[in-house]
Amino acid sequence: MNIDKTLEELYSLTNMGIKLGLDNIKNILKIMGNPQDNYKILHIAGTNGKGSTASILEGSLLEAGYKVGKYTSPHIEKFNERIVVNKKQISDEKICFYYKKIRNLIEVNNLHPTFFEITTAMMFDYFKDCNCEYVVLETGLGGRFDATNICHPEVSIITNISMDHVNILGDNLTDIAREKCGIIKDSPVVIADSKPELIAAVEEKTKDYVDVIKKYNNVKFELTKDFKTIIYIDNIKFNLSLYGKYQVNNFLGAYEALKKIGISDKHIQDSVSNIYWPGRFEIYSKEDPLIILDGAHNVDAASKLKENILSKYKKDQVITLVSILKDKDRYGILKEISNFSNNIIFTSLEDYHRGSTGDKLIDLVDNFEIQRVEDNIIKAFDIAKKTEKIIVVCGSFYLLSKFKKNIQMR
């Protein structure tokens, strides 16, 4: 089976939706000999900031000389991005091999796992075969019933909580916090958000935790002209290549976890200047015009994007190219976008089953000075370029994927 056929079959399982519970993944991994027990794991949950935190952890562990696997989702351009060893993506051949292995296993044992459960089992097995020493593991959704929550981590990290996936995780921060805190085991816990709902949920599970916002309340930082964040902890300088005030909290969460497993400040310093995480305030082009890509797929993420944009530019300097999935808080996200841009082009993700058309989105708001619909993303981009403004593409990681693929094809 070639890669196209493999991925077609694998993606078809997304139609099964999300199944809460760990029975499937427990059964699969038990039959496979529990590959997740062969390396040390840093487990990350949170509404936003998981990918940035994971990349900081990965870079610092690599700098310290470890062989490191990293598992994240969703991917932006290709499935291979999800499963990485020493910053090298899993090959097409390995994807086919591990998918076939697990497909045969589930057929023989009459199991019916979801897309994410199969992908997670592939990842655990691949990292075992690669002899990884550490694995940086990002939850897919929530925590308590997430397929990654079969592991026994060295440290559990919760980046933050905000409203997202409310139909699954709950429509209030207390319920969402409890779901995220489902990853807490008997190992140390690090949190990078001081919301009282999160503190309460953590303390229901353990007293062995560190709130980095409280511990490092004297931290200092600077946002640079070249989109970097300089962070000072006890006069030690860290030149973080990710931009934004919110990235300070992500850094502190990763920093505390790394210190708990014995990684030196020098290794952290040497690694963080080279961190790259696509789709999160990604400077896609510095040439005229400046193009910024950001998933901004929930209200909190859109608010952080607003904070970053307004730290550099005025509203009338920015044009946004936007599409948002149907099951997101589209009104709330668009309200945040309207705070940093007067000019918006709504485009389509109707080729994705959760996607919206531009016409459906434009009906939600009327608070942009200039708002229009262009469902063809190339034409939308051409319109944006003619305005000679800074272009921000945002609202969904699926939009970023579509944008990159279409621009590269052209």
Protein backbone atom coordinates (compact mmCIF):
# COMPACT_ATOMS: atom_id res chain seq x y z
CA MET A 1 0.00 0.00 0.00
CA ASN A 2 1.50 3.38 -1.01
CA ILE A 3 1.38 6.55 1.07
CA ASP A 4 -1.61 8.08 -0.73
CA LYS A 5 -3.73 4.97 -0.25
CA THR A 6 -2.57 4.61 3.36
CA LEU A 7 -3.46 8.18 4.28
CA GLU A 8 -6.77 7.99 2.41
CA GLU A 9 -7.71 4.96 4.49
CA LEU A 10 -6.41 6.51 7.70
CA TYR A 11 -8.19 9.84 7.15
CA SER A 12 -11.44 8.02 6.41
CA LEU A 13 -11.48 7.04 10.07
CA THR A 14 -12.06 10.69 11.03
CA ASN A 15 -15.69 10.07 10.02
CA MET A 16 -15.96 7.91 13.14
CA GLY A 17 -15.61 11.11 15.16
CA ILE A 18 -14.23 11.18 18.68
CA LYS A 19 -14.78 8.30 21.09
CA LEU A 20 -14.25 9.07 24.76
CA GLY A 21 -12.42 6.43 26.76
CA LEU A 22 -9.08 4.66 26.86
CA ASP A 23 -10.16 1.03 26.33
CA ASN A 24 -9.24 0.93 22.62
CA ILE A 25 -5.76 2.35 23.03
CA LYS A 26 -5.08 0.23 26.13
CA ASN A 27 -6.02 -2.94 24.23
CA ILE A 28 -3.96 -2.05 21.16
CA LEU A 29 -0.85 -1.13 23.13
CA LYS A 30 -1.13 -4.18 25.37
CA ILE A 31 -1.15 -6.44 22.31
CA MET A 32 1.87 -4.52 21.01
CA GLY A 33 3.78 -5.03 24.26
CA ASN A 34 3.17 -1.51 25.65
CA PRO A 35 5.80 0.34 23.60
CA GLN A 36 5.06 3.57 25.52
CA ASP A 37 6.91 2.14 28.52
CA ASN A 38 10.28 2.17 26.73
CA TYR A 39 11.21 5.86 27.15
CA LYS A 40 10.72 8.84 29.41
CA ILE A 41 7.75 11.06 28.59
CA LEU A 42 6.92 14.74 29.10
CA HIS A 43 3.15 15.01 28.71
CA ILE A 44 1.49 18.31 27.74
CA ALA A 45 -2.17 19.34 27.89
CA GLY A 46 -3.79 22.76 27.54
CA THR A 47 -6.10 24.74 25.29
CA ASN A 48 -3.30 26.67 23.59
CA GLY A 49 0.49 26.74 23.76
CA LYS A 50 1.08 22.98 23.64
CA GLY A 51 3.04 23.03 20.38
CA SER A 52 5.29 25.92 21.38
CA THR A 53 5.96 24.30 24.75
CA ALA A 54 6.67 20.95 23.07
CA SER A 55 9.15 22.54 20.68
CA ILE A 56 11.03 24.27 23.50
CA LEU A 57 11.24 20.96 25.40
CA GLU A 58 12.34 19.10 22.28
CA GLY A 59 15.07 21.60 21.42
CA SER A 60 16.52 21.66 24.92
CA LEU A 61 16.55 17.86 25.24
CA LEU A 62 18.30 17.57 21.89
CA GLU A 63 20.86 20.17 22.98
CA ALA A 64 21.49 18.06 26.10
CA GLY A 65 22.34 15.09 23.87
CA TYR A 66 19.20 12.96 24.12
CA LYS A 67 17.39 11.17 21.31
CA VAL A 68 13.97 12.81 21.28
CA GLY A 69 10.59 11.98 19.80
CA LYS A 70 7.85 14.60 19.51
CA TYR A 71 4.15 13.99 18.86
CA THR A 72 1.89 16.94 17.99
CA SER A 73 -1.34 17.68 16.16
CA PRO A 74 -2.83 18.81 13.91
CA HIS A 75 -0.38 18.91 11.03
CA ILE A 76 -0.23 21.93 8.74
CA GLU A 77 1.04 20.57 5.42
CA LYS A 78 1.54 16.81 5.77
CA PHE A 79 0.75 14.00 8.18
CA ASN A 80 4.46 13.29 8.72
CA GLU A 81 4.76 16.49 10.82
CA ARG A 82 2.93 14.79 13.68
CA ILE A 83 5.62 12.19 14.41
CA VAL A 84 9.20 13.46 14.62
CA VAL A 85 12.49 12.01 15.92
CA ASN A 86 15.42 14.39 16.42
CA LYS A 87 13.49 16.96 14.33
CA LYS A 88 13.21 14.54 11.39
CA GLN A 89 9.69 13.67 10.29
CA ILE A 90 8.62 10.07 9.98
CA SER A 91 9.05 8.85 6.38
CA ASP A 92 6.20 7.87 4.06
CA GLU A 93 7.51 4.30 4.08
CA LYS A 94 7.40 4.12 7.89
CA ILE A 95 3.88 5.53 7.97
CA CYS A 96 2.77 2.75 5.60
CA PHE A 97 4.64 0.11 7.61
CA TYR A 98 3.24 1.05 11.02
CA TYR A 99 -0.28 1.63 9.72
CA LYS A 100 -0.33 -1.80 8.06
CA LYS A 101 1.04 -3.41 11.23
CA ILE A 102 -1.66 -1.87 13.41
CA ARG A 103 -4.44 -2.39 10.86
CA ASN A 104 -3.66 -6.11 10.81
CA LEU A 105 -3.60 -6.20 14.59
CA ILE A 106 -6.99 -4.51 15.01
CA GLU A 107 -8.60 -6.70 12.36
CA VAL A 108 -7.42 -9.91 14.05
CA ASN A 109 -8.59 -8.67 17.45
CA ASN A 110 -11.88 -7.12 16.21
CA LEU A 111 -11.04 -3.65 17.52
CA HIS A 112 -12.52 -0.43 16.14
CA PRO A 113 -10.19 2.47 16.98
CA THR A 114 -10.46 6.05 15.76
CA PHE A 115 -8.03 7.95 13.54
CA PHE A 116 -6.27 9.48 16.54
CA GLU A 117 -6.04 6.20 18.43
CA ILE A 118 -4.36 4.48 15.47
CA THR A 119 -2.04 7.43 14.90
CA THR A 120 -1.09 7.43 18.59
CA ALA A 121 -0.36 3.69 18.57
CA MET A 122 1.80 4.14 15.45
CA MET A 123 3.70 6.90 17.20
CA PHE A 124 4.38 4.95 20.40
CA ASP A 125 5.65 1.95 18.43
CA TYR A 126 7.78 4.03 16.07
CA PHE A 127 9.47 5.89 18.94
CA LYS A 128 10.25 2.56 20.63
CA ASP A 129 11.86 1.21 17.45
CA CYS A 130 13.84 4.45 17.07
CA ASN A 131 15.25 3.95 20.59
CA CYS A 132 14.07 7.36 21.77
CA GLU A 133 15.24 8.33 25.24
CA TYR A 134 12.67 11.09 25.75
CA VAL A 135 9.30 11.66 24.10
CA VAL A 136 7.52 15.01 24.17
CA LEU A 137 3.85 14.13 24.00
CA GLU A 138 1.05 16.56 23.22
CA THR A 139 -2.56 15.61 23.93
CA GLY A 140 -4.93 15.71 20.99
CA LEU A 141 -8.06 16.84 22.82
CA GLY A 142 -8.65 17.41 26.53
CA GLY A 143 -6.58 15.02 28.60
CA ARG A 144 -8.53 12.57 30.73
CA PHE A 145 -9.79 10.44 27.83
CA ASP A 146 -7.16 11.42 25.28
CA ALA A 147 -5.39 8.46 23.63
CA THR A 148 -2.01 9.79 24.78
CA ASN A 149 -3.12 9.47 28.41
CA ILE A 150 -2.00 5.85 28.58
CA CYS A 151 1.52 6.94 29.52
CA HIS A 152 3.30 7.45 32.85
CA PRO A 153 5.19 10.72 32.43
CA GLU A 154 8.22 12.15 34.18
CA VAL A 155 6.43 15.51 34.29
CA SER A 156 2.90 16.60 33.33
CA ILE A 157 2.57 20.13 31.96
CA ILE A 158 -0.65 22.09 31.58
CA THR A 159 -0.14 25.23 29.51
CA ASN A 160 -3.46 27.02 30.06
CA ILE A 161 -7.22 26.68 29.90
CA SER A 162 -9.81 28.61 27.90
CA MET A 163 -13.08 27.92 26.12
CA ASP A 164 -12.75 25.47 23.23
CA HIS A 165 -14.32 22.13 22.23
CA VAL A 166 -17.15 22.97 24.62
CA ASN A 167 -19.41 20.24 23.17
CA ILE A 168 -16.89 17.63 24.36
CA LEU A 169 -14.95 19.10 27.27
CA GLY A 170 -17.69 21.19 28.88
CA ASP A 171 -19.09 24.69 28.56
CA ASN A 172 -17.28 26.18 31.56
CA LEU A 173 -13.67 26.52 32.70
CA THR A 174 -14.13 24.26 35.71
CA ASP A 175 -15.13 21.27 33.58
CA ILE A 176 -12.47 22.03 30.97
CA ALA A 177 -9.78 22.29 33.67
CA ARG A 178 -10.78 18.92 35.11
CA GLU A 179 -10.51 17.31 31.69
CA LYS A 180 -7.04 18.78 31.13
CA CYS A 181 -5.96 17.71 34.62
CA GLY A 182 -6.87 14.14 33.74
CA ILE A 183 -3.25 13.70 32.58
CA ILE A 184 -1.95 14.17 36.14
CA LYS A 185 -0.43 10.99 37.57
CA ASP A 186 2.01 10.46 40.45
CA SER A 187 4.78 12.53 38.86
CA PRO A 188 5.46 16.29 39.24
CA VAL A 189 3.07 18.76 37.63
CA VAL A 190 3.86 22.14 36.08
CA ILE A 191 1.16 24.66 35.17
CA ALA A 192 1.59 27.89 33.21
CA ASP A 193 -1.78 29.47 33.96
CA SER A 194 -3.04 30.81 37.30
CA LYS A 195 -6.77 30.77 36.58
CA PRO A 196 -8.55 29.73 39.81
CA GLU A 197 -10.48 26.99 37.97
CA LEU A 198 -7.21 25.37 36.91
CA ILE A 199 -5.63 25.71 40.37
CA ALA A 200 -8.70 24.08 41.94
CA ALA A 201 -8.72 21.22 39.42
CA VAL A 202 -4.99 20.57 39.91
CA GLU A 203 -5.35 20.53 43.69
CA GLU A 204 -8.13 17.95 43.41
CA LYS A 205 -5.46 15.64 41.94
CA THR A 206 -2.19 16.60 43.66
CA LYS A 207 -0.36 19.06 45.87
CA ASP A 208 2.93 18.36 44.05
CA TYR A 209 2.73 21.08 41.43
CA VAL A 210 4.47 24.29 40.44
CA ASP A 211 2.58 27.34 39.18
CA VAL A 212 5.27 29.05 37.11
CA ILE A 213 3.33 32.32 36.94
CA LYS A 214 3.64 32.54 40.72
CA LYS A 215 7.15 31.06 41.02
CA TYR A 216 8.68 33.32 38.36
CA ASN A 217 6.62 36.44 39.09
CA ASN A 218 9.73 38.61 38.74
CA VAL A 219 10.55 37.40 35.25
CA LYS A 220 11.41 40.14 32.78
CA PHE A 221 11.07 40.08 29.00
CA GLU A 222 11.41 42.20 25.88
CA LEU A 223 9.71 41.87 22.50
CA THR A 224 12.19 42.69 19.73
CA LYS A 225 11.76 44.35 16.35
CA ASP A 226 12.72 41.12 14.60
CA PHE A 227 9.90 39.10 16.23
CA LYS A 228 11.88 37.50 19.04
CA THR A 229 11.22 37.38 22.80
CA ILE A 230 14.11 37.97 25.20
CA ILE A 231 13.46 36.50 28.66
CA TYR A 232 15.46 37.11 31.85
CA ILE A 233 15.36 34.71 34.80
CA ASP A 234 17.68 35.68 37.67
CA ASN A 235 19.80 37.70 35.21
CA ILE A 236 20.14 34.69 32.88
CA LYS A 237 19.19 35.70 29.34
CA PHE A 238 17.19 33.46 26.99
CA ASN A 239 16.76 34.59 23.37
CA LEU A 240 13.51 32.85 22.44
CA SER A 241 12.82 32.75 18.71
CA LEU A 242 9.04 32.69 19.29
CA TYR A 243 7.30 36.07 19.53
CA GLY A 244 4.78 37.26 22.08
CA LYS A 245 4.06 38.01 25.70
CA TYR A 246 2.12 34.75 25.94
CA GLN A 247 5.21 32.84 24.79
CA VAL A 248 6.86 33.85 28.07
CA ASN A 249 4.38 31.64 29.93
CA ASN A 250 4.94 28.78 27.49
CA PHE A 251 8.68 29.15 27.98
CA LEU A 252 8.36 29.18 31.78
CA GLY A 253 6.28 25.99 31.73
CA ALA A 254 8.87 24.25 29.58
CA TYR A 255 11.76 25.72 31.59
CA GLU A 256 10.42 24.42 34.91
CA ALA A 257 9.81 20.94 33.46
CA LEU A 258 13.33 20.86 32.04
CA LYS A 259 14.87 21.88 35.35
CA LYS A 260 12.95 19.09 37.08
CA ILE A 261 14.65 16.51 34.84
CA GLY A 262 18.10 18.06 35.22
CA ILE A 263 18.57 20.04 32.00
CA SER A 264 21.03 22.91 32.43
CA ASP A 265 20.38 26.59 31.75
CA LYS A 266 23.19 26.50 29.18
CA HIS A 267 21.47 23.78 27.14
CA ILE A 268 18.19 25.68 27.30
CA GLN A 269 19.89 28.96 26.31
CA ASP A 270 21.64 27.36 23.36
CA SER A 271 18.46 25.75 22.02
CA VAL A 272 15.69 28.34 22.35
CA SER A 273 17.11 30.77 19.81
CA ASN A 274 16.42 28.17 17.11
CA ILE A 275 12.86 27.12 17.96
CA TYR A 276 10.43 27.05 15.04
CA TRP A 277 6.74 26.24 15.32
CA PRO A 278 4.68 26.67 12.13
CA GLY A 279 1.25 28.21 12.14
CA ARG A 280 1.68 30.11 15.41
CA PHE A 281 2.53 33.72 14.57
CA GLU A 282 4.59 32.32 11.73
CA ILE A 283 6.34 34.96 9.63
CA TYR A 284 5.63 33.36 6.27
CA SER A 285 7.23 36.18 4.30
CA LYS A 286 9.21 39.21 5.46
CA GLU A 287 9.19 40.69 1.97
CA ASP A 288 6.68 43.27 0.84
CA PRO A 289 4.04 42.49 1.92
CA LEU A 290 4.73 40.98 5.33
CA ILE A 291 2.63 37.80 5.66
CA ILE A 292 1.80 36.32 9.08
CA LEU A 293 0.11 32.94 9.53
CA ASP A 294 -1.64 32.06 12.79
CA GLY A 295 -4.14 29.29 13.54
CA ALA A 296 -6.12 31.54 15.96
CA HIS A 297 -8.73 28.78 16.07
CA ASN A 298 -10.39 29.78 19.35
CA VAL A 299 -11.14 33.04 21.11
CA ASP A 300 -8.12 32.91 23.42
CA ALA A 301 -5.73 32.20 20.53
CA ALA A 302 -7.30 35.03 18.50
CA SER A 303 -6.86 37.34 21.50
CA LYS A 304 -3.15 36.42 21.69
CA LEU A 305 -2.80 37.11 17.96
CA LYS A 306 -4.46 40.50 18.52
CA GLU A 307 -1.96 41.23 21.31
CA ASN A 308 0.97 40.41 19.02
CA ILE A 309 -0.32 42.40 16.05
CA LEU A 310 -1.13 45.51 18.08
CA SER A 311 2.34 45.41 19.67
CA LYS A 312 3.68 46.23 16.21
CA TYR A 313 0.98 47.71 13.99
CA LYS A 314 -2.21 49.77 13.84
CA LYS A 315 -5.56 48.34 12.76
CA ASP A 316 -5.58 50.20 9.44
CA GLN A 317 -2.23 48.65 8.49
CA VAL A 318 -3.61 45.09 8.53
CA ILE A 319 -5.80 43.03 6.20
CA THR A 320 -6.96 39.59 7.31
CA LEU A 321 -7.77 36.53 5.23
CA VAL A 322 -10.07 34.38 7.35
CA SER A 323 -12.03 31.14 7.51
CA ILE A 324 -13.28 29.39 10.65
CA LEU A 325 -14.70 25.91 11.24
CA LYS A 326 -18.44 25.55 11.95
CA ASP A 327 -17.97 24.07 15.43
CA LYS A 328 -15.82 26.95 16.68
CA ASP A 329 -16.95 30.18 18.36
CA ARG A 330 -16.92 32.01 15.05
CA TYR A 331 -18.52 35.18 16.39
CA GLY A 332 -16.08 35.39 19.31
CA ILE A 333 -13.04 34.81 17.08
CA LEU A 334 -14.21 37.41 14.55
CA LYS A 335 -14.78 39.92 17.33
CA GLU A 336 -11.14 39.55 18.38
CA ILE A 337 -9.96 39.89 14.78
CA SER A 338 -12.00 43.09 14.37
CA ASN A 339 -9.92 44.61 17.18
CA PHE A 340 -6.70 44.43 15.13
CA SER A 341 -7.93 44.73 11.53
CA ASN A 342 -10.44 46.97 9.73
CA ASN A 343 -10.26 45.01 6.51
CA ILE A 344 -11.25 41.34 6.15
CA ILE A 345 -11.65 38.84 3.34
CA PHE A 346 -13.75 35.77 4.15
CA THR A 347 -12.74 32.66 2.26
CA SER A 348 -13.94 29.07 2.13
CA LEU A 349 -13.08 25.77 3.80
CA GLU A 350 -16.17 24.04 2.41
CA ASP A 351 -14.05 21.19 1.06
CA TYR A 352 -13.58 20.13 4.70
CA HIS A 353 -16.62 18.64 6.41
CA ARG A 354 -16.42 21.09 9.35
CA GLY A 355 -15.62 24.08 7.15
CA SER A 356 -17.57 27.25 6.42
CA THR A 357 -18.03 29.25 3.24
CA GLY A 358 -17.24 32.93 3.13
CA ASP A 359 -20.94 33.80 2.74
CA LYS A 360 -21.81 32.02 5.99
CA LEU A 361 -19.07 33.88 7.86
CA ILE A 362 -19.81 37.37 6.56
CA ASP A 363 -23.36 37.10 7.87
CA LEU A 364 -22.00 36.82 11.44
CA VAL A 365 -20.47 40.29 11.71
CA ASP A 366 -20.69 43.83 10.43
CA ASN A 367 -17.97 45.50 12.47
CA PHE A 368 -15.25 45.67 9.78
CA GLU A 369 -14.90 48.83 7.69
CA ILE A 370 -14.23 46.71 4.61
CA GLN A 371 -15.46 43.13 4.43
CA ARG A 372 -15.85 40.93 1.39
CA VAL A 373 -16.11 37.31 0.31
CA GLU A 374 -13.76 35.45 -2.01
CA ASP A 375 -13.99 31.68 -1.64
CA ASN A 376 -11.06 31.05 -3.97
CA ILE A 377 -8.06 31.39 -1.70
CA ILE A 378 -5.63 32.41 -4.46
CA LYS A 379 -7.95 35.20 -5.61
CA ALA A 380 -8.45 36.25 -1.99
CA PHE A 381 -4.70 36.45 -1.53
CA ASP A 382 -4.31 38.50 -4.71
CA ILE A 383 -6.93 40.96 -3.45
CA ALA A 384 -5.10 41.24 -0.14
CA LYS A 385 -1.76 41.92 -1.84
CA LYS A 386 -3.21 44.82 -3.83
CA THR A 387 -4.06 46.66 -0.61
CA GLU A 388 -0.33 46.93 0.21
CA LYS A 389 -1.12 46.11 3.82
CA ILE A 390 0.29 43.51 6.22
CA ILE A 391 -1.52 40.25 5.46
CA VAL A 392 -2.63 38.03 8.35
CA VAL A 393 -4.03 34.61 7.44
CA CYS A 394 -5.89 33.17 10.43
CA GLY A 395 -8.92 31.38 11.91
CA SER A 396 -8.05 27.72 11.33
CA PHE A 397 -5.03 25.48 10.92
CA TYR A 398 -6.88 23.94 7.96
CA LEU A 399 -6.89 27.38 6.33
CA LEU A 400 -3.13 27.70 6.84
CA SER A 401 -2.63 24.28 5.25
CA LYS A 402 -4.79 25.21 2.27
CA PHE A 403 -3.04 28.56 1.92
CA LYS A 404 0.45 27.05 1.94
CA LYS A 405 -0.42 24.28 -0.51
CA ASN A 406 -2.09 26.65 -2.99
CA ILE A 407 0.61 29.31 -2.82
CA GLN A 408 3.36 26.72 -3.27
CA MET A 409 1.53 25.13 -6.21
CA ARG A 410 1.29 28.51 -7.90
